[in-house]
PDB file of N, CA and C in Angstrom:
ATOM      1  N   MET A   1       8.197 -24.817   8.205  1.00  0.00           N
ATOM      2  CA  MET A   1       7.353 -26.174   7.851  1.00  0.00           C
ATOM      3  C   MET A   1       7.691 -26.647   6.474  1.00  0.00           C
ATOM      4  N   LYS A   2       6.989 -27.820   6.208  1.00  0.00           N
ATOM      5  CA  LYS A   2       6.854 -28.476   4.992  1.00  0.00           C
ATOM      6  C   LYS A   2       5.835 -29.248   4.552  1.00  0.00           C
ATOM      7  N   THR A   3       4.825 -28.549   4.178  1.00  0.00           N
ATOM      8  CA  THR A   3       3.822 -29.354   3.467  1.00  0.00           C
ATOM      9  C   THR A   3       4.320 -30.135   1.895  1.00  0.00           C
ATOM     10  N   LYS A   4       3.482 -31.328   1.994  1.00  0.00           N
ATOM     11  CA  LYS A   4       3.659 -31.351   0.347  1.00  0.00           C
ATOM     12  C   LYS A   4       5.160 -31.600  -0.304  1.00  0.00           C
ATOM     13  N   ASN A   5       4.876 -30.741  -1.552  1.00  0.00           N
ATOM     14  CA  ASN A   5       5.699 -29.588  -2.232  1.00  0.00           C
ATOM     15  C   ASN A   5       6.375 -28.799  -1.688  1.00  0.00           C
ATOM     16  N   HIS A   6       6.352 -28.595  -0.665  1.00  0.00           N
ATOM     17  CA  HIS A   6       6.546 -26.778  -0.559  1.00  0.00           C
ATOM     18  C   HIS A   6       7.270 -26.777   1.043  1.00  0.00           C
ATOM     19  N   THR A   7       8.133 -25.750   1.019  1.00  0.00           N
ATOM     20  CA  THR A   7       8.884 -25.360   2.466  1.00  0.00           C
ATOM     21  C   THR A   7       7.977 -24.046   2.288  1.00  0.00           C
ATOM     22  N   THR A   8       8.299 -23.517   3.918  1.00  0.00           N
ATOM     23  CA  THR A   8       7.789 -22.098   4.596  1.00  0.00           C
ATOM     24  C   THR A   8       8.673 -21.853   5.116  1.00  0.00           C
ATOM     25  N   ILE A   9       9.153 -20.749   4.891  1.00  0.00           N
ATOM     26  CA  ILE A   9      10.588 -20.618   6.110  1.00  0.00           C
ATOM     27  C   ILE A   9      10.292 -18.952   6.751  1.00  0.00           C
ATOM     28  N   PHE A  10      10.649 -18.281   7.725  1.00  0.00           N
ATOM     29  CA  PHE A  10      10.382 -16.601   7.757  1.00  0.00           C
ATOM     30  C   PHE A  10      11.616 -16.120   7.855  1.00  0.00           C
ATOM     31  N   SER A  11      11.504 -15.229   7.233  1.00  0.00           N
ATOM     32  CA  SER A  11      13.314 -14.038   6.996  1.00  0.00           C
ATOM     33  C   SER A  11      12.512 -12.845   7.786  1.00  0.00           C
ATOM     34  N   THR A  12      13.117 -11.898   8.119  1.00  0.00           N
ATOM     35  CA  THR A  12      12.835 -10.442   8.814  1.00  0.00           C
ATOM     36  C   THR A  12      11.684  -9.863   8.257  1.00  0.00           C
ATOM     37  N   GLY A  13      10.536 -10.112   8.676  1.00  0.00           N
ATOM     38  CA  GLY A  13       9.645  -9.499   8.029  1.00  0.00           C
ATOM     39  C   GLY A  13       8.437 -10.270   7.448  1.00  0.00           C
ATOM     40  N   VAL A  14       9.016 -11.203   6.534  1.00  0.00           N
ATOM     41  CA  VAL A  14       8.061 -11.954   5.418  1.00  0.00           C
ATOM     42  C   VAL A  14       8.178 -13.273   5.776  1.00  0.00           C
ATOM     43  N   HIS A  15       7.189 -14.166   5.473  1.00  0.00           N
ATOM     44  CA  HIS A  15       6.789 -15.287   5.703  1.00  0.00           C
ATOM     45  C   HIS A  15       6.890 -15.549   4.410  1.00  0.00           C
ATOM     46  N   LEU A  16       8.065 -16.816   3.568  1.00  0.00           N
ATOM     47  CA  LEU A  16       8.061 -17.036   2.516  1.00  0.00           C
ATOM     48  C   LEU A  16       7.886 -18.578   2.280  1.00  0.00           C
ATOM     49  N   GLN A  17       6.953 -19.361   0.983  1.00  0.00           N
ATOM     50  CA  GLN A  17       7.392 -20.460   0.868  1.00  0.00           C
ATOM     51  C   GLN A  17       7.783 -20.794  -0.510  1.00  0.00           C
ATOM     52  N   SER A  18       8.247 -21.935  -0.899  1.00  0.00           N
ATOM     53  CA  SER A  18       8.818 -22.008  -1.809  1.00  0.00           C
ATOM     54  C   SER A  18       7.623 -22.135  -3.087  1.00  0.00           C
ATOM     55  N   GLU A  19       8.143 -22.412  -4.134  1.00  0.00           N
ATOM     56  CA  GLU A  19       7.129 -22.499  -5.161  1.00  0.00           C
ATOM     57  C   GLU A  19       7.975 -22.842  -6.344  1.00  0.00           C
ATOM     58  N   GLU A  20       7.294 -23.981  -7.183  1.00  0.00           N
ATOM     59  CA  GLU A  20       7.712 -24.308  -8.302  1.00  0.00           C
ATOM     60  C   GLU A  20       6.867 -23.372  -9.704  1.00  0.00           C
ATOM     61  N   CYS A  21       7.413 -22.807 -10.704  1.00  0.00           N
ATOM     62  CA  CYS A  21       7.140 -22.030 -11.550  1.00  0.00           C
ATOM     63  C   CYS A  21       8.056 -22.467 -12.790  1.00  0.00           C
ATOM     64  N   ILE A  22       7.502 -21.695 -13.743  1.00  0.00           N
ATOM     65  CA  ILE A  22       8.322 -21.612 -15.544  1.00  0.00           C
ATOM     66  C   ILE A  22       8.637 -20.643 -15.577  1.00  0.00           C
ATOM     67  N   ILE A  23      10.076 -20.095 -15.856  1.00  0.00           N
ATOM     68  CA  ILE A  23      10.401 -18.783 -16.218  1.00  0.00           C
ATOM     69  C   ILE A  23      11.008 -18.771 -17.427  1.00  0.00           C
ATOM     70  N   ASN A  24      10.562 -18.556 -18.742  1.00  0.00           N
ATOM     71  CA  ASN A  24      11.168 -18.511 -20.244  1.00  0.00           C
ATOM     72  C   ASN A  24      11.341 -19.862 -20.072  1.00  0.00           C
ATOM     73  N   GLY A  25      10.526 -20.551 -20.299  1.00  0.00           N
ATOM     74  CA  GLY A  25      10.037 -22.212 -20.360  1.00  0.00           C
ATOM     75  C   GLY A  25      11.345 -22.936 -19.837  1.00  0.00           C
ATOM     76  N   LYS A  26      11.485 -22.190 -18.591  1.00  0.00           N
ATOM     77  CA  LYS A  26      12.627 -23.684 -18.053  1.00  0.00           C
ATOM     78  C   LYS A  26      11.742 -23.681 -16.420  1.00  0.00           C
ATOM     79  N   LYS A  27      11.933 -24.983 -15.976  1.00  0.00           N
ATOM     80  CA  LYS A  27      11.374 -24.828 -14.715  1.00  0.00           C
ATOM     81  C   LYS A  27      12.310 -24.341 -13.662  1.00  0.00           C
ATOM     82  N   GLN A  28      11.561 -23.909 -12.718  1.00  0.00           N
ATOM     83  CA  GLN A  28      12.592 -23.719 -11.261  1.00  0.00           C
ATOM     84  C   GLN A  28      11.659 -23.401 -10.108  1.00  0.00           C
ATOM     85  N   TRP A  29      12.507 -23.384  -9.138  1.00  0.00           N
ATOM     86  CA  TRP A  29      12.269 -23.247  -8.144  1.00  0.00           C
ATOM     87  C   TRP A  29      11.914 -21.787  -7.226  1.00  0.00           C
ATOM     88  N   ARG A  30      11.491 -20.745  -7.063  1.00  0.00           N
ATOM     89  CA  ARG A  30      11.799 -19.789  -6.488  1.00  0.00           C
ATOM     90  C   ARG A  30      10.828 -19.522  -4.682  1.00  0.00           C
ATOM     91  N   TRP A  31      11.332 -18.401  -4.237  1.00  0.00           N
ATOM     92  CA  TRP A  31      10.299 -18.386  -2.825  1.00  0.00           C
ATOM     93  C   TRP A  31       9.376 -16.960  -3.295  1.00  0.00           C
ATOM     94  N   VAL A  32       8.584 -17.085  -2.764  1.00  0.00           N
ATOM     95  CA  VAL A  32       7.063 -16.592  -2.346  1.00  0.00           C
ATOM     96  C   VAL A  32       6.608 -15.694  -1.591  1.00  0.00           C
ATOM     97  N   ALA A  33       6.287 -14.486  -1.332  1.00  0.00           N
ATOM     98  CA  ALA A  33       6.164 -13.979  -0.221  1.00  0.00           C
ATOM     99  C   ALA A  33       4.710 -14.353  -0.162  1.00  0.00           C
ATOM    100  N   VAL A  34       4.415 -15.277   1.512  1.00  0.00           N
ATOM    101  CA  VAL A  34       2.409 -15.639   1.907  1.00  0.00           C
ATOM    102  C   VAL A  34       2.687 -14.622   3.024  1.00  0.00           C
ATOM    103  N   GLY A  35       2.949 -13.804   3.792  1.00  0.00           N
ATOM    104  CA  GLY A  35       2.683 -13.234   4.781  1.00  0.00           C
ATOM    105  C   GLY A  35       3.919 -12.427   5.027  1.00  0.00           C
ATOM    106  N   LEU A  36       2.882 -10.978   5.513  1.00  0.00           N
ATOM    107  CA  LEU A  36       4.002  -9.865   5.381  1.00  0.00           C
ATOM    108  C   LEU A  36       4.031  -9.172   7.253  1.00  0.00           C
ATOM    109  N   GLU A  37       4.863  -9.052   7.926  1.00  0.00           N
ATOM    110  CA  GLU A  37       4.951  -8.909   9.570  1.00  0.00           C
ATOM    111  C   GLU A  37       5.645  -7.325   9.201  1.00  0.00           C
ATOM    112  N   ASP A  38       5.804  -6.375  10.415  1.00  0.00           N
ATOM    113  CA  ASP A  38       6.550  -5.167  10.503  1.00  0.00           C
ATOM    114  C   ASP A  38       5.741  -3.943   9.679  1.00  0.00           C
ATOM    115  N   GLU A  39       6.798  -2.796   9.732  1.00  0.00           N
ATOM    116  CA  GLU A  39       5.874  -2.232   8.693  1.00  0.00           C
ATOM    117  C   GLU A  39       6.558  -1.886   7.356  1.00  0.00           C
ATOM    118  N   SER A  40       5.921  -1.646   6.405  1.00  0.00           N
ATOM    119  CA  SER A  40       6.412  -1.708   5.052  1.00  0.00           C
ATOM    120  C   SER A  40       6.506   0.041   4.804  1.00  0.00           C
ATOM    121  N   PHE A  41       7.090   0.398   3.357  1.00  0.00           N
ATOM    122  CA  PHE A  41       6.967   1.838   3.047  1.00  0.00           C
ATOM    123  C   PHE A  41       7.392   1.508   1.530  1.00  0.00           C
ATOM    124  N   LEU A  42       6.781   2.694   1.007  1.00  0.00           N
ATOM    125  CA  LEU A  42       7.163   3.057  -0.682  1.00  0.00           C
ATOM    126  C   LEU A  42       7.086   4.466  -0.599  1.00  0.00           C
ATOM    127  N   ASP A  43       8.032   4.985  -0.756  1.00  0.00           N
ATOM    128  CA  ASP A  43       8.743   6.273  -1.102  1.00  0.00           C
ATOM    129  C   ASP A  43       8.789   6.959   0.340  1.00  0.00           C
ATOM    130  N   ARG A  44       9.526   6.514   1.023  1.00  0.00           N
ATOM    131  CA  ARG A  44       9.170   6.858   2.464  1.00  0.00           C
ATOM    132  C   ARG A  44       7.852   6.666   3.505  1.00  0.00           C
ATOM    133  N   LYS A  45       6.814   6.620   2.992  1.00  0.00           N
ATOM    134  CA  LYS A  45       5.487   6.606   3.676  1.00  0.00           C
ATOM    135  C   LYS A  45       4.814   5.201   3.579  1.00  0.00           C
ATOM    136  N   GLU A  46       4.676   4.981   4.794  1.00  0.00           N
ATOM    137  CA  GLU A  46       4.072   3.260   5.569  1.00  0.00           C
ATOM    138  C   GLU A  46       3.398   3.133   4.947  1.00  0.00           C
ATOM    139  N   VAL A  47       2.675   1.821   3.968  1.00  0.00           N
ATOM    140  CA  VAL A  47       2.157   1.332   3.207  1.00  0.00           C
ATOM    141  C   VAL A  47       1.513   0.319   3.988  1.00  0.00           C
ATOM    142  N   ASN A  48       0.350  -0.401   3.706  1.00  0.00           N
ATOM    143  CA  ASN A  48      -0.064  -1.656   4.063  1.00  0.00           C
ATOM    144  C   ASN A  48      -0.237  -2.912   2.375  1.00  0.00           C
ATOM    145  N   PRO A  49       0.863  -3.707   2.498  1.00  0.00           N
ATOM    146  CA  PRO A  49       0.843  -4.233   1.230  1.00  0.00           C
ATOM    147  C   PRO A  49       0.770  -5.594   1.511  1.00  0.00           C
ATOM    148  N   PHE A  50      -0.503  -5.840   0.560  1.00  0.00           N
ATOM    149  CA  PHE A  50      -1.039  -7.388   0.438  1.00  0.00           C
ATOM    150  C   PHE A  50      -0.211  -8.220  -0.128  1.00  0.00           C
ATOM    151  N   GLU A  51      -0.776  -9.986   0.142  1.00  0.00           N
ATOM    152  CA  GLU A  51       0.253 -10.615  -0.061  1.00  0.00           C
ATOM    153  C   GLU A  51      -0.205 -10.862  -1.710  1.00  0.00           C
ATOM    154  N   TYR A  52      -1.743 -10.961  -1.851  1.00  0.00           N
ATOM    155  CA  TYR A  52      -2.474 -11.041  -3.498  1.00  0.00           C
ATOM    156  C   TYR A  52      -3.491 -10.037  -3.518  1.00  0.00           C
ATOM    157  N   ALA A  53      -3.433  -9.960  -5.000  1.00  0.00           N
ATOM    158  CA  ALA A  53      -4.640  -9.308  -5.360  1.00  0.00           C
ATOM    159  C   ALA A  53      -5.121  -9.479  -6.741  1.00  0.00           C
ATOM    160  N   ASP A  54      -6.562  -8.903  -7.430  1.00  0.00           N
ATOM    161  CA  ASP A  54      -6.783  -9.423  -8.641  1.00  0.00           C
ATOM    162  C   ASP A  54      -6.028  -8.202  -9.556  1.00  0.00           C
ATOM    163  N   LYS A  55      -5.432  -6.631  -8.820  1.00  0.00           N
ATOM    164  CA  LYS A  55      -4.916  -6.234  -9.802  1.00  0.00           C
ATOM    165  C   LYS A  55      -3.722  -6.031  -9.113  1.00  0.00           C
ATOM    166  N   LYS A  56      -2.821  -5.496  -9.975  1.00  0.00           N
ATOM    167  CA  LYS A  56      -1.337  -4.696  -9.755  1.00  0.00           C
ATOM    168  C   LYS A  56      -1.672  -3.838  -8.510  1.00  0.00           C
ATOM    169  N   GLU A  57      -2.598  -2.591  -9.157  1.00  0.00           N
ATOM    170  CA  GLU A  57      -3.135  -1.491  -8.142  1.00  0.00           C
ATOM    171  C   GLU A  57      -2.948  -1.659  -6.823  1.00  0.00           C
ATOM    172  N   LYS A  58      -4.158  -3.017  -6.661  1.00  0.00           N
ATOM    173  CA  LYS A  58      -4.637  -3.284  -5.030  1.00  0.00           C
ATOM    174  C   LYS A  58      -3.403  -4.191  -4.643  1.00  0.00           C
ATOM    175  N   LEU A  59      -2.091  -3.932  -4.957  1.00  0.00           N
ATOM    176  CA  LEU A  59      -1.650  -4.629  -4.197  1.00  0.00           C
ATOM    177  C   LEU A  59      -1.146  -3.997  -2.635  1.00  0.00           C
ATOM    178  N   ILE A  60      -1.084  -2.669  -2.749  1.00  0.00           N
ATOM    179  CA  ILE A  60      -0.430  -1.821  -1.889  1.00  0.00           C
ATOM    180  C   ILE A  60      -1.851  -1.417  -1.646  1.00  0.00           C
ATOM    181  N   GLU A  61      -1.983  -0.539  -0.153  1.00  0.00           N
ATOM    182  CA  GLU A  61      -2.909   0.331   0.619  1.00  0.00           C
ATOM    183  C   GLU A  61      -2.104   1.029   1.019  1.00  0.00           C
ATOM    184  N   LYS A  62      -2.477   2.675   0.565  1.00  0.00           N
ATOM    185  CA  LYS A  62      -1.741   3.422   1.223  1.00  0.00           C
ATOM    186  C   LYS A  62      -2.331   4.294   2.061  1.00  0.00           C
ATOM    187  N   PHE A  63      -2.141   4.870   3.345  1.00  0.00           N
ATOM    188  CA  PHE A  63      -2.438   5.387   4.542  1.00  0.00           C
ATOM    189  C   PHE A  63      -2.932   6.678   4.426  1.00  0.00           C
ATOM    190  N   LYS A  64      -3.821   7.291   4.593  1.00  0.00           N
ATOM    191  CA  LYS A  64      -4.174   8.739   4.248  1.00  0.00           C
ATOM    192  C   LYS A  64      -3.599   9.284   5.490  1.00  0.00           C
ATOM    193  N   ASP A  65      -2.926  10.851   4.826  1.00  0.00           N
ATOM    194  CA  ASP A  65      -2.002  11.375   5.845  1.00  0.00           C
ATOM    195  C   ASP A  65      -3.408  12.178   6.995  1.00  0.00           C
TER     196      ASP A  65
END
């Protein structure tokens, strides 16, 4: 899918969108995850990742055993 200056693709388990950004003062394009599918794991335990959050700690929700 293409919208204005962005392209969105699907890779195994993730929707990626092209985003222009500045890294170390240099303008470049990067892929950014904008949607997630299937199971995700951290330290061999299933987690629920969020595409964005206001704090780093809120990017992943750990399931209770």
